[in-house]
C-alpha atoms as a PDB file:
ATOM      1  CA  UNK A   1       4.489  -3.384 -12.565  1.00  0.00           C
ATOM      2  CA  UNK A   2       7.245  -2.825 -10.416  1.00  0.00           C
ATOM      3  CA  UNK A   3       6.451  -0.039  -7.756  1.00  0.00           C
ATOM      4  CA  UNK A   4       9.640   1.040  -5.991  1.00  0.00           C
ATOM      5  CA  UNK A   5       9.664  -0.418  -2.213  1.00  0.00           C
ATOM      6  CA  UNK A   6      10.873   1.571   0.819  1.00  0.00           C
ATOM      7  CA  UNK A   7      11.434   0.531   4.089  1.00  0.00           C
ATOM      8  CA  UNK A   8       9.705   2.715   6.717  1.00  0.00           C
ATOM      9  CA  UNK A   9      10.549   0.700  10.264  1.00  0.00           C
ATOM     10  CA  UNK A  10       7.682   2.886  11.199  1.00  0.00           C
ATOM     11  CA  UNK A  11       4.898   1.558   9.825  1.00  0.00           C
ATOM     12  CA  UNK A  12       2.338   0.295  11.797  1.00  0.00           C
ATOM     13  CA  UNK A  13       1.758  -2.738   8.935  1.00  0.00           C
ATOM     14  CA  UNK A  14       3.886  -5.107   7.153  1.00  0.00           C
ATOM     15  CA  UNK A  15       3.155  -3.043   4.643  1.00  0.00           C
ATOM     16  CA  UNK A  16       1.296   0.338   2.682  1.00  0.00           C
ATOM     17  CA  UNK A  17       0.634   1.196  -0.511  1.00  0.00           C
ATOM     18  CA  UNK A  18       0.422   4.099  -1.004  1.00  0.00           C
ATOM     19  CA  UNK A  19       0.770   5.589  -4.282  1.00  0.00           C
ATOM     20  CA  UNK A  20       3.025   5.413  -6.432  1.00  0.00           C
ATOM     21  CA  UNK A  21       5.426   3.464  -3.259  1.00  0.00           C
ATOM     22  CA  UNK A  22       4.911   0.147  -1.328  1.00  0.00           C
ATOM     23  CA  UNK A  23       6.096   0.953   2.023  1.00  0.00           C
ATOM     24  CA  UNK A  24       7.609  -2.437   4.051  1.00  0.00           C
ATOM     25  CA  UNK A  25       8.236  -2.200   7.644  1.00  0.00           C
ATOM     26  CA  UNK A  26      11.182  -4.565   7.158  1.00  0.00           C
ATOM     27  CA  UNK A  27      13.385  -5.301   4.650  1.00  0.00           C
ATOM     28  CA  UNK A  28      12.347  -9.033   4.934  1.00  0.00           C
ATOM     29  CA  UNK A  29       9.425  -8.479   3.135  1.00  0.00           C
ATOM     30  CA  UNK A  30      10.779  -7.688   0.120  1.00  0.00           C
ATOM     31  CA  UNK A  31      10.806 -11.229  -0.548  1.00  0.00           C
ATOM     32  CA  UNK A  32       7.104 -11.859   0.315  1.00  0.00           C
ATOM     33  CA  UNK A  33       5.253 -12.431  -2.437  1.00  0.00           C
ATOM     34  CA  UNK A  34       2.149 -12.540  -0.702  1.00  0.00           C
ATOM     35  CA  UNK A  35       2.215  -8.868   1.080  1.00  0.00           C
ATOM     36  CA  UNK A  36       3.863  -7.617  -2.705  1.00  0.00           C
ATOM     37  CA  UNK A  37       0.811  -8.537  -4.455  1.00  0.00           C
ATOM     38  CA  UNK A  38      -1.391  -7.880  -1.933  1.00  0.00           C
ATOM     39  CA  UNK A  39      -0.440  -4.054  -1.947  1.00  0.00           C
ATOM     40  CA  UNK A  40      -0.024  -4.428  -6.049  1.00  0.00           C
ATOM     41  CA  UNK A  41      -3.672  -4.688  -5.624  1.00  0.00           C
ATOM     42  CA  UNK A  42      -3.995  -2.054  -3.163  1.00  0.00           C
ATOM     43  CA  UNK A  43      -2.050   0.396  -5.929  1.00  0.00           C
ATOM     44  CA  UNK A  44      -3.904  -0.776  -8.995  1.00  0.00           C
ATOM     45  CA  UNK A  45      -7.136   0.159  -6.808  1.00  0.00           C
ATOM     46  CA  UNK A  46      -6.079   3.744  -6.389  1.00  0.00           C
ATOM     47  CA  UNK A  47      -5.521   4.044 -10.247  1.00  0.00           C
ATOM     48  CA  UNK A  48      -8.978   2.907 -11.346  1.00  0.00           C
ATOM     49  CA  UNK A  49     -10.701   5.231  -8.918  1.00  0.00           C
ATOM     50  CA  UNK A  50      -7.824   7.830  -9.602  1.00  0.00           C
ATOM     51  CA  UNK A  51      -5.710   8.131  -6.642  1.00  0.00           C
ATOM     52  CA  UNK A  52      -6.830  10.820  -4.729  1.00  0.00           C
ATOM     53  CA  UNK A  53     -10.967   9.676  -4.442  1.00  0.00           C
ATOM     54  CA  UNK A  54      -9.038   6.216  -3.204  1.00  0.00           C
ATOM     55  CA  UNK A  55      -7.564   8.061  -0.031  1.00  0.00           C
ATOM     56  CA  UNK A  56     -11.318   9.776   0.413  1.00  0.00           C
ATOM     57  CA  UNK A  57     -12.600   6.315   0.557  1.00  0.00           C
ATOM     58  CA  UNK A  58      -9.832   4.907   2.412  1.00  0.00           C
ATOM     59  CA  UNK A  59     -10.407   7.851   5.220  1.00  0.00           C
ATOM     60  CA  UNK A  60     -14.323   7.169   4.827  1.00  0.00           C
ATOM     61  CA  UNK A  61     -14.280   3.503   5.616  1.00  0.00           C
ATOM     62  CA  UNK A  62     -11.416   3.878   8.639  1.00  0.00           C
ATOM     63  CA  UNK A  63     -13.459   6.200  10.785  1.00  0.00           C
ATOM     64  CA  UNK A  64     -16.877   4.418  10.130  1.00  0.00           C
ATOM     65  CA  UNK A  65     -15.174   0.492  10.769  1.00  0.00           C
END
């Protein structure tokens, strides 16, 4: 699985997965295999939950934690 990687300089974190993209704060994170693998796991989680339910659960978790 090779998701498209986008650079978003104003991203509040080093990386973020928004199906089907991996968003990175800086070009230097493209070579960070730990961050890339971490975000690929989130993409797989989104697919397993059929994308929309993932974001609903993510929002609920964000609001209550």
